PDB file of N, CA and C in Angstrom:
ATOM      1  N   MET A   1     -51.249 -77.841 -32.268  1.00  0.00           N
ATOM      2  CA  MET A   1     -50.095 -78.038 -31.408  1.00  0.00           C
ATOM      3  C   MET A   1     -49.810 -76.732 -30.670  1.00  0.00           C
ATOM      4  N   THR A   2     -49.572 -76.841 -29.376  1.00  0.00           N
ATOM      5  CA  THR A   2     -49.263 -75.657 -28.586  1.00  0.00           C
ATOM      6  C   THR A   2     -47.857 -75.158 -28.902  1.00  0.00           C
ATOM      7  N   VAL A   3     -47.597 -73.926 -28.537  1.00  0.00           N
ATOM      8  CA  VAL A   3     -46.268 -73.357 -28.747  1.00  0.00           C
ATOM      9  C   VAL A   3     -45.234 -74.164 -27.956  1.00  0.00           C
ATOM     10  N   GLU A   4     -45.574 -74.551 -26.740  1.00  0.00           N
ATOM     11  CA  GLU A   4     -44.630 -75.323 -25.927  1.00  0.00           C
ATOM     12  C   GLU A   4     -44.329 -76.667 -26.575  1.00  0.00           C
ATOM     13  N   ARG A   5     -45.347 -77.346 -27.061  1.00  0.00           N
ATOM     14  CA  ARG A   5     -45.138 -78.645 -27.715  1.00  0.00           C
ATOM     15  C   ARG A   5     -44.279 -78.468 -28.974  1.00  0.00           C
ATOM     16  N   ALA A   6     -44.548 -77.406 -29.750  1.00  0.00           N
ATOM     17  CA  ALA A   6     -43.755 -77.139 -30.957  1.00  0.00           C
ATOM     18  C   ALA A   6     -42.294 -76.885 -30.594  1.00  0.00           C
ATOM     19  N   PHE A   7     -42.072 -76.142 -29.499  1.00  0.00           N
ATOM     20  CA  PHE A   7     -40.711 -75.876 -29.046  1.00  0.00           C
ATOM     21  C   PHE A   7     -40.010 -77.182 -28.669  1.00  0.00           C
ATOM     22  N   LEU A   8     -40.664 -78.004 -27.881  1.00  0.00           N
ATOM     23  CA  LEU A   8     -40.053 -79.260 -27.434  1.00  0.00           C
ATOM     24  C   LEU A   8     -39.756 -80.182 -28.613  1.00  0.00           C
ATOM     25  N   THR A   9     -40.626 -80.192 -29.608  1.00  0.00           N
ATOM     26  CA  THR A   9     -40.397 -80.988 -30.809  1.00  0.00           C
ATOM     27  C   THR A   9     -39.183 -80.446 -31.577  1.00  0.00           C
ATOM     28  N   ALA A  10     -39.099 -79.123 -31.705  1.00  0.00           N
ATOM     29  CA  ALA A  10     -37.969 -78.506 -32.408  1.00  0.00           C
ATOM     30  C   ALA A  10     -36.664 -78.762 -31.658  1.00  0.00           C
ATOM     31  N   TRP A  11     -36.708 -78.714 -30.338  1.00  0.00           N
ATOM     32  CA  TRP A  11     -35.514 -78.957 -29.528  1.00  0.00           C
ATOM     33  C   TRP A  11     -35.046 -80.394 -29.701  1.00  0.00           C
ATOM     34  N   GLU A  12     -35.979 -81.326 -29.685  1.00  0.00           N
ATOM     35  CA  GLU A  12     -35.630 -82.734 -29.879  1.00  0.00           C
ATOM     36  C   GLU A  12     -35.010 -82.953 -31.259  1.00  0.00           C
ATOM     37  N   LYS A  13     -35.590 -82.342 -32.290  1.00  0.00           N
ATOM     38  CA  LYS A  13     -35.051 -82.479 -33.651  1.00  0.00           C
ATOM     39  C   LYS A  13     -33.657 -81.860 -33.756  1.00  0.00           C
ATOM     40  N   ALA A  14     -33.446 -80.730 -33.105  1.00  0.00           N
ATOM     41  CA  ALA A  14     -32.130 -80.084 -33.133  1.00  0.00           C
ATOM     42  C   ALA A  14     -31.092 -80.975 -32.455  1.00  0.00           C
ATOM     43  N   ARG A  15     -31.458 -81.582 -31.339  1.00  0.00           N
ATOM     44  CA  ARG A  15     -30.535 -82.485 -30.647  1.00  0.00           C
ATOM     45  C   ARG A  15     -30.214 -83.697 -31.521  1.00  0.00           C
ATOM     46  N   GLN A  16     -31.214 -84.227 -32.193  1.00  0.00           N
ATOM     47  CA  GLN A  16     -30.984 -85.372 -33.080  1.00  0.00           C
ATOM     48  C   GLN A  16     -30.052 -84.987 -34.224  1.00  0.00           C
ATOM     49  N   ALA A  17     -30.238 -83.794 -34.784  1.00  0.00           N
ATOM     50  CA  ALA A  17     -29.381 -83.328 -35.872  1.00  0.00           C
ATOM     51  C   ALA A  17     -27.944 -83.150 -35.384  1.00  0.00           C
ATOM     52  N   ALA A  18     -27.775 -82.623 -34.176  1.00  0.00           N
ATOM     53  CA  ALA A  18     -26.433 -82.455 -33.614  1.00  0.00           C
ATOM     54  C   ALA A  18     -25.772 -83.811 -33.411  1.00  0.00           C
ATOM     55  N   GLN A  19     -26.512 -84.754 -32.897  1.00  0.00           N
ATOM     56  CA  GLN A  19     -25.965 -86.092 -32.677  1.00  0.00           C
ATOM     57  C   GLN A  19     -25.613 -86.756 -34.005  1.00  0.00           C
ATOM     58  N   ALA A  20     -26.391 -86.487 -35.043  1.00  0.00           N
ATOM     59  CA  ALA A  20     -26.101 -87.044 -36.369  1.00  0.00           C
ATOM     60  C   ALA A  20     -24.784 -86.489 -36.914  1.00  0.00           C
ATOM     61  N   LEU A  21     -24.395 -85.307 -36.442  1.00  0.00           N
ATOM     62  CA  LEU A  21     -23.114 -84.704 -36.834  1.00  0.00           C
ATOM     63  C   LEU A  21     -21.959 -85.264 -36.004  1.00  0.00           C
ATOM     64  N   GLY A  22     -22.271 -86.128 -35.066  1.00  0.00           N
ATOM     65  CA  GLY A  22     -21.246 -86.712 -34.217  1.00  0.00           C
ATOM     66  C   GLY A  22     -20.986 -85.925 -32.951  1.00  0.00           C
ATOM     67  N   ILE A  23     -21.844 -84.979 -32.657  1.00  0.00           N
ATOM     68  CA  ILE A  23     -21.680 -84.169 -31.454  1.00  0.00           C
ATOM     69  C   ILE A  23     -22.360 -84.882 -30.293  1.00  0.00           C
ATOM     70  N   ARG A  24     -21.568 -85.110 -29.270  1.00  0.00           N
ATOM     71  CA  ARG A  24     -22.079 -85.805 -28.082  1.00  0.00           C
ATOM     72  C   ARG A  24     -22.764 -84.797 -27.175  1.00  0.00           C
ATOM     73  N   LEU A  25     -24.018 -85.066 -26.906  1.00  0.00           N
ATOM     74  CA  LEU A  25     -24.784 -84.214 -26.004  1.00  0.00           C
ATOM     75  C   LEU A  25     -25.102 -84.990 -24.734  1.00  0.00           C
ATOM     76  N   ARG A  26     -25.020 -84.315 -23.631  1.00  0.00           N
ATOM     77  CA  ARG A  26     -25.331 -84.938 -22.352  1.00  0.00           C
ATOM     78  C   ARG A  26     -26.825 -85.247 -22.327  1.00  0.00           C
ATOM     79  N   PRO A  27     -27.188 -86.422 -21.832  1.00  0.00           N
ATOM     80  CA  PRO A  27     -28.622 -86.736 -21.718  1.00  0.00           C
ATOM     81  C   PRO A  27     -29.315 -85.652 -20.903  1.00  0.00           C
ATOM     82  N   GLN A  28     -30.474 -85.259 -21.360  1.00  0.00           N
ATOM     83  CA  GLN A  28     -31.176 -84.166 -20.705  1.00  0.00           C
ATOM     84  C   GLN A  28     -32.668 -84.376 -20.844  1.00  0.00           C
ATOM     85  N   GLU A  29     -33.365 -84.033 -19.794  1.00  0.00           N
ATOM     86  CA  GLU A  29     -34.816 -84.043 -19.830  1.00  0.00           C
ATOM     87  C   GLU A  29     -35.247 -82.893 -20.745  1.00  0.00           C
ATOM     88  N   LEU A  30     -36.059 -83.188 -21.740  1.00  0.00           N
ATOM     89  CA  LEU A  30     -36.491 -82.145 -22.673  1.00  0.00           C
ATOM     90  C   LEU A  30     -37.842 -81.603 -22.240  1.00  0.00           C
ATOM     91  N   THR A  31     -37.772 -80.659 -21.320  1.00  0.00           N
ATOM     92  CA  THR A  31     -38.969 -79.978 -20.838  1.00  0.00           C
ATOM     93  C   THR A  31     -38.713 -78.486 -20.875  1.00  0.00           C
ATOM     94  N   LEU A  32     -39.770 -77.718 -20.839  1.00  0.00           N
ATOM     95  CA  LEU A  32     -39.600 -76.266 -20.805  1.00  0.00           C
ATOM     96  C   LEU A  32     -38.868 -75.852 -19.532  1.00  0.00           C
ATOM     97  N   ALA A  33     -39.159 -76.507 -18.418  1.00  0.00           N
ATOM     98  CA  ALA A  33     -38.471 -76.188 -17.162  1.00  0.00           C
ATOM     99  C   ALA A  33     -36.970 -76.437 -17.288  1.00  0.00           C
ATOM    100  N   ALA A  34     -36.580 -77.523 -17.953  1.00  0.00           N
ATOM    101  CA  ALA A  34     -35.155 -77.821 -18.148  1.00  0.00           C
ATOM    102  C   ALA A  34     -34.503 -76.762 -19.033  1.00  0.00           C
ATOM    103  N   ALA A  35     -35.206 -76.332 -20.063  1.00  0.00           N
ATOM    104  CA  ALA A  35     -34.669 -75.288 -20.943  1.00  0.00           C
ATOM    105  C   ALA A  35     -34.464 -73.999 -20.165  1.00  0.00           C
ATOM    106  N   LYS A  36     -35.439 -73.643 -19.346  1.00  0.00           N
ATOM    107  CA  LYS A  36     -35.330 -72.427 -18.553  1.00  0.00           C
ATOM    108  C   LYS A  36     -34.170 -72.514 -17.555  1.00  0.00           C
ATOM    109  N   ARG A  37     -33.986 -73.676 -16.945  1.00  0.00           N
ATOM    110  CA  ARG A  37     -32.849 -73.850 -16.026  1.00  0.00           C
ATOM    111  C   ARG A  37     -31.532 -73.661 -16.764  1.00  0.00           C
ATOM    112  N   ALA A  38     -31.438 -74.216 -17.968  1.00  0.00           N
ATOM    113  CA  ALA A  38     -30.200 -74.107 -18.751  1.00  0.00           C
ATOM    114  C   ALA A  38     -29.885 -72.660 -19.115  1.00  0.00           C
ATOM    115  N   LEU A  39     -30.927 -71.850 -19.240  1.00  0.00           N
ATOM    116  CA  LEU A  39     -30.723 -70.444 -19.611  1.00  0.00           C
ATOM    117  C   LEU A  39     -30.615 -69.524 -18.396  1.00  0.00           C
ATOM    118  N   SER A  40     -30.713 -70.095 -17.200  1.00  0.00           N
ATOM    119  CA  SER A  40     -30.683 -69.263 -16.006  1.00  0.00           C
ATOM    120  C   SER A  40     -29.280 -69.115 -15.432  1.00  0.00           C
ATOM    121  N   THR A  41     -28.304 -69.662 -16.110  1.00  0.00           N
ATOM    122  CA  THR A  41     -26.921 -69.585 -15.654  1.00  0.00           C
ATOM    123  C   THR A  41     -26.046 -69.047 -16.773  1.00  0.00           C
ATOM    124  N   ARG A  42     -24.886 -68.532 -16.426  1.00  0.00           N
ATOM    125  CA  ARG A  42     -23.953 -68.032 -17.454  1.00  0.00           C
ATOM    126  C   ARG A  42     -23.073 -69.139 -18.012  1.00  0.00           C
ATOM    127  N   ARG A  43     -23.165 -70.344 -17.443  1.00  0.00           N
ATOM    128  CA  ARG A  43     -22.299 -71.436 -17.875  1.00  0.00           C
ATOM    129  C   ARG A  43     -22.751 -71.990 -19.219  1.00  0.00           C
ATOM    130  N   LEU A  44     -21.812 -72.080 -20.159  1.00  0.00           N
ATOM    131  CA  LEU A  44     -22.105 -72.683 -21.460  1.00  0.00           C
ATOM    132  C   LEU A  44     -22.036 -74.199 -21.343  1.00  0.00           C
ATOM    133  N   SER A  45     -22.930 -74.866 -22.023  1.00  0.00           N
ATOM    134  CA  SER A  45     -22.885 -76.328 -22.016  1.00  0.00           C
ATOM    135  C   SER A  45     -21.794 -76.809 -22.972  1.00  0.00           C
ATOM    136  N   ASP A  46     -21.339 -78.030 -22.733  1.00  0.00           N
ATOM    137  CA  ASP A  46     -20.372 -78.637 -23.650  1.00  0.00           C
ATOM    138  C   ASP A  46     -20.967 -78.754 -25.045  1.00  0.00           C
ATOM    139  N   GLY A  47     -22.259 -79.031 -25.117  1.00  0.00           N
ATOM    140  CA  GLY A  47     -22.937 -79.134 -26.409  1.00  0.00           C
ATOM    141  C   GLY A  47     -22.899 -77.822 -27.178  1.00  0.00           C
ATOM    142  N   PHE A  48     -23.089 -76.712 -26.469  1.00  0.00           N
ATOM    143  CA  PHE A  48     -23.036 -75.399 -27.112  1.00  0.00           C
ATOM    144  C   PHE A  48     -21.660 -75.183 -27.717  1.00  0.00           C
ATOM    145  N   THR A  49     -20.640 -75.475 -26.935  1.00  0.00           N
ATOM    146  CA  THR A  49     -19.268 -75.285 -27.406  1.00  0.00           C
ATOM    147  C   THR A  49     -18.978 -76.166 -28.621  1.00  0.00           C
ATOM    148  N   ALA A  50     -19.422 -77.418 -28.575  1.00  0.00           N
ATOM    149  CA  ALA A  50     -19.205 -78.336 -29.698  1.00  0.00           C
ATOM    150  C   ALA A  50     -19.960 -77.861 -30.934  1.00  0.00           C
ATOM    151  N   LEU A  51     -21.163 -77.361 -30.760  1.00  0.00           N
ATOM    152  CA  LEU A  51     -21.936 -76.853 -31.901  1.00  0.00           C
ATOM    153  C   LEU A  51     -21.310 -75.572 -32.442  1.00  0.00           C
ATOM    154  N   GLN A  52     -20.738 -74.769 -31.573  1.00  0.00           N
ATOM    155  CA  GLN A  52     -20.037 -73.568 -32.030  1.00  0.00           C
ATOM    156  C   GLN A  52     -18.849 -73.962 -32.897  1.00  0.00           C
ATOM    157  N   GLU A  53     -18.079 -74.934 -32.435  1.00  0.00           N
ATOM    158  CA  GLU A  53     -16.919 -75.391 -33.195  1.00  0.00           C
ATOM    159  C   GLU A  53     -17.322 -75.985 -34.538  1.00  0.00           C
ATOM    160  N   ALA A  54     -18.496 -76.608 -34.586  1.00  0.00           N
ATOM    161  CA  ALA A  54     -19.001 -77.202 -35.826  1.00  0.00           C
ATOM    162  C   ALA A  54     -19.728 -76.171 -36.693  1.00  0.00           C
ATOM    163  N   GLN A  55     -19.768 -74.925 -36.228  1.00  0.00           N
ATOM    164  CA  GLN A  55     -20.476 -73.837 -36.918  1.00  0.00           C
ATOM    165  C   GLN A  55     -21.947 -74.183 -37.130  1.00  0.00           C
ATOM    166  N   ARG A  56     -22.557 -74.739 -36.092  1.00  0.00           N
ATOM    167  CA  ARG A  56     -23.969 -75.111 -36.141  1.00  0.00           C
ATOM    168  C   ARG A  56     -24.716 -74.593 -34.913  1.00  0.00           C
ATOM    169  N   LEU A  57     -24.498 -73.341 -34.592  1.00  0.00           N
ATOM    170  CA  LEU A  57     -25.198 -72.740 -33.468  1.00  0.00           C
ATOM    171  C   LEU A  57     -26.708 -72.707 -33.677  1.00  0.00           C
ATOM    172  N   ASP A  58     -27.141 -72.901 -34.911  1.00  0.00           N
ATOM    173  CA  ASP A  58     -28.571 -72.953 -35.188  1.00  0.00           C
ATOM    174  C   ASP A  58     -29.244 -74.142 -34.515  1.00  0.00           C
ATOM    175  N   LEU A  59     -28.452 -75.114 -34.081  1.00  0.00           N
ATOM    176  CA  LEU A  59     -28.996 -76.300 -33.428  1.00  0.00           C
ATOM    177  C   LEU A  59     -28.989 -76.191 -31.903  1.00  0.00           C
ATOM    178  N   THR A  60     -28.661 -75.036 -31.372  1.00  0.00           N
ATOM    179  CA  THR A  60     -28.588 -74.875 -29.926  1.00  0.00           C
ATOM    180  C   THR A  60     -29.940 -74.509 -29.320  1.00  0.00           C
ATOM    181  N   LEU A  61     -30.061 -74.812 -28.042  1.00  0.00           N
ATOM    182  CA  LEU A  61     -31.223 -74.369 -27.268  1.00  0.00           C
ATOM    183  C   LEU A  61     -31.346 -72.855 -27.351  1.00  0.00           C
ATOM    184  N   GLU A  62     -30.215 -72.175 -27.305  1.00  0.00           N
ATOM    185  CA  GLU A  62     -30.214 -70.712 -27.344  1.00  0.00           C
ATOM    186  C   GLU A  62     -30.851 -70.176 -28.627  1.00  0.00           C
ATOM    187  N   ALA A  63     -30.531 -70.805 -29.756  1.00  0.00           N
ATOM    188  CA  ALA A  63     -31.119 -70.363 -31.026  1.00  0.00           C
ATOM    189  C   ALA A  63     -32.633 -70.573 -31.017  1.00  0.00           C
ATOM    190  N   LEU A  64     -33.068 -71.653 -30.422  1.00  0.00           N
ATOM    191  CA  LEU A  64     -34.513 -71.892 -30.328  1.00  0.00           C
ATOM    192  C   LEU A  64     -35.177 -70.878 -29.403  1.00  0.00           C
ATOM    193  N   ALA A  65     -34.503 -70.533 -28.318  1.00  0.00           N
ATOM    194  CA  ALA A  65     -35.083 -69.600 -27.343  1.00  0.00           C
ATOM    195  C   ALA A  65     -35.305 -68.207 -27.925  1.00  0.00           C
ATOM    196  N   VAL A  66     -34.506 -67.824 -28.910  1.00  0.00           N
ATOM    197  CA  VAL A  66     -34.692 -66.502 -29.525  1.00  0.00           C
ATOM    198  C   VAL A  66     -35.442 -66.579 -30.854  1.00  0.00           C
ATOM    199  N   ASP A  67     -35.849 -67.775 -31.230  1.00  0.00           N
ATOM    200  CA  ASP A  67     -36.660 -67.957 -32.435  1.00  0.00           C
ATOM    201  C   ASP A  67     -38.035 -67.319 -32.200  1.00  0.00           C
ATOM    202  N   ARG A  68     -38.493 -66.521 -33.138  1.00  0.00           N
ATOM    203  CA  ARG A  68     -39.764 -65.801 -32.986  1.00  0.00           C
ATOM    204  C   ARG A  68     -40.930 -66.710 -32.612  1.00  0.00           C
ATOM    205  N   ARG A  69     -40.889 -67.941 -33.089  1.00  0.00           N
ATOM    206  CA  ARG A  69     -41.987 -68.865 -32.791  1.00  0.00           C
ATOM    207  C   ARG A  69     -42.078 -69.197 -31.311  1.00  0.00           C
ATOM    208  N   PHE A  70     -40.960 -69.045 -30.577  1.00  0.00           N
ATOM    209  CA  PHE A  70     -40.913 -69.539 -29.209  1.00  0.00           C
ATOM    210  C   PHE A  70     -40.614 -68.481 -28.151  1.00  0.00           C
ATOM    211  N   THR A  71     -40.443 -67.231 -28.541  1.00  0.00           N
ATOM    212  CA  THR A  71     -40.038 -66.204 -27.567  1.00  0.00           C
ATOM    213  C   THR A  71     -41.067 -66.017 -26.456  1.00  0.00           C
ATOM    214  N   SER A  72     -42.316 -66.317 -26.708  1.00  0.00           N
ATOM    215  CA  SER A  72     -43.342 -66.146 -25.671  1.00  0.00           C
ATOM    216  C   SER A  72     -43.152 -67.111 -24.502  1.00  0.00           C
ATOM    217  N   LEU A  73     -42.350 -68.141 -24.686  1.00  0.00           N
ATOM    218  CA  LEU A  73     -42.133 -69.138 -23.642  1.00  0.00           C
ATOM    219  C   LEU A  73     -41.083 -68.726 -22.621  1.00  0.00           C
ATOM    220  N   PHE A  74     -40.282 -67.705 -22.958  1.00  0.00           N
ATOM    221  CA  PHE A  74     -39.133 -67.353 -22.132  1.00  0.00           C
ATOM    222  C   PHE A  74     -39.261 -65.941 -21.582  1.00  0.00           C
ATOM    223  N   THR A  75     -38.716 -65.755 -20.382  1.00  0.00           N
ATOM    224  CA  THR A  75     -38.698 -64.423 -19.781  1.00  0.00           C
ATOM    225  C   THR A  75     -37.650 -63.576 -20.501  1.00  0.00           C
ATOM    226  N   ASP A  76     -37.699 -62.284 -20.276  1.00  0.00           N
ATOM    227  CA  ASP A  76     -36.693 -61.405 -20.873  1.00  0.00           C
ATOM    228  C   ASP A  76     -35.277 -61.788 -20.442  1.00  0.00           C
ATOM    229  N   PRO A  77     -35.033 -62.051 -19.151  1.00  0.00           N
ATOM    230  CA  PRO A  77     -33.672 -62.454 -18.764  1.00  0.00           C
ATOM    231  C   PRO A  77     -33.220 -63.758 -19.442  1.00  0.00           C
ATOM    232  N   GLU A  78     -34.103 -64.724 -19.590  1.00  0.00           N
ATOM    233  CA  GLU A  78     -33.752 -65.981 -20.261  1.00  0.00           C
ATOM    234  C   GLU A  78     -33.422 -65.733 -21.731  1.00  0.00           C
ATOM    235  N   ALA A  79     -34.260 -64.963 -22.397  1.00  0.00           N
ATOM    236  CA  ALA A  79     -34.032 -64.655 -23.808  1.00  0.00           C
ATOM    237  C   ALA A  79     -32.761 -63.833 -23.984  1.00  0.00           C
ATOM    238  N   ASN A  80     -32.531 -62.894 -23.071  1.00  0.00           N
ATOM    239  CA  ASN A  80     -31.313 -62.070 -23.150  1.00  0.00           C
ATOM    240  C   ASN A  80     -30.069 -62.921 -22.960  1.00  0.00           C
ATOM    241  N   GLU A  81     -30.131 -63.888 -22.049  1.00  0.00           N
ATOM    242  CA  GLU A  81     -28.987 -64.784 -21.836  1.00  0.00           C
ATOM    243  C   GLU A  81     -28.712 -65.588 -23.109  1.00  0.00           C
ATOM    244  N   ALA A  82     -29.774 -66.114 -23.720  1.00  0.00           N
ATOM    245  CA  ALA A  82     -29.613 -66.886 -24.956  1.00  0.00           C
ATOM    246  C   ALA A  82     -29.011 -66.013 -26.053  1.00  0.00           C
ATOM    247  N   LEU A  83     -29.524 -64.807 -26.198  1.00  0.00           N
ATOM    248  CA  LEU A  83     -29.026 -63.890 -27.227  1.00  0.00           C
ATOM    249  C   LEU A  83     -27.572 -63.510 -26.969  1.00  0.00           C
ATOM    250  N   THR A  84     -27.230 -63.237 -25.727  1.00  0.00           N
ATOM    251  CA  THR A  84     -25.851 -62.883 -25.371  1.00  0.00           C
ATOM    252  C   THR A  84     -24.900 -64.020 -25.725  1.00  0.00           C
ATOM    253  N   ARG A  85     -25.267 -65.238 -25.359  1.00  0.00           N
ATOM    254  CA  ARG A  85     -24.412 -66.388 -25.675  1.00  0.00           C
ATOM    255  C   ARG A  85     -24.193 -66.503 -27.177  1.00  0.00           C
ATOM    256  N   LEU A  86     -25.275 -66.368 -27.938  1.00  0.00           N
ATOM    257  CA  LEU A  86     -25.165 -66.509 -29.392  1.00  0.00           C
ATOM    258  C   LEU A  86     -24.294 -65.401 -29.994  1.00  0.00           C
ATOM    259  N   LEU A  87     -24.517 -64.173 -29.560  1.00  0.00           N
ATOM    260  CA  LEU A  87     -23.741 -63.048 -30.101  1.00  0.00           C
ATOM    261  C   LEU A  87     -22.271 -63.176 -29.740  1.00  0.00           C
ATOM    262  N   GLU A  88     -21.983 -63.566 -28.495  1.00  0.00           N
ATOM    263  CA  GLU A  88     -20.600 -63.730 -28.085  1.00  0.00           C
ATOM    264  C   GLU A  88     -19.902 -64.862 -28.849  1.00  0.00           C
ATOM    265  N   ALA A  89     -20.700 -65.832 -29.319  1.00  0.00           N
ATOM    266  CA  ALA A  89     -20.150 -66.952 -30.072  1.00  0.00           C
ATOM    267  C   ALA A  89     -20.041 -66.652 -31.566  1.00  0.00           C
ATOM    268  N   GLY A  90     -20.513 -65.457 -31.970  1.00  0.00           N
ATOM    269  CA  GLY A  90     -20.410 -65.068 -33.363  1.00  0.00           C
ATOM    270  C   GLY A  90     -21.550 -65.523 -34.245  1.00  0.00           C
ATOM    271  N   TYR A  91     -22.682 -65.868 -33.651  1.00  0.00           N
ATOM    272  CA  TYR A  91     -23.840 -66.329 -34.431  1.00  0.00           C
ATOM    273  C   TYR A  91     -24.361 -65.204 -35.308  1.00  0.00           C
ATOM    274  N   ARG A  92     -24.668 -65.547 -36.533  1.00  0.00           N
ATOM    275  CA  ARG A  92     -25.224 -64.562 -37.476  1.00  0.00           C
ATOM    276  C   ARG A  92     -26.684 -64.894 -37.716  1.00  0.00           C
ATOM    277  N   PHE A  93     -27.509 -63.896 -37.456  1.00  0.00           N
ATOM    278  CA  PHE A  93     -28.966 -64.072 -37.635  1.00  0.00           C
ATOM    279  C   PHE A  93     -29.359 -63.819 -39.065  1.00  0.00           C
TER     280      PHE A  93
END
């Protein structure tokens, strides 16, 4: 399995776990391009905020983007944005 395929599988599983917690996530195309677009802006998604409130930031796209298994997929600015969001939200590594 490629790193990209592993990332997309992990992202899908994280979304399913969030939904199982009752967190409503906006329908989204699960592609690497979509992930990169989501990390190219400073705007937090409603899903991120809901996962923060549920103390489950581990299920966010941002947590996956800084996961060692997947860092090769993201540019430094994308990874830095993900890390900044997580740190500002109080995520503990």
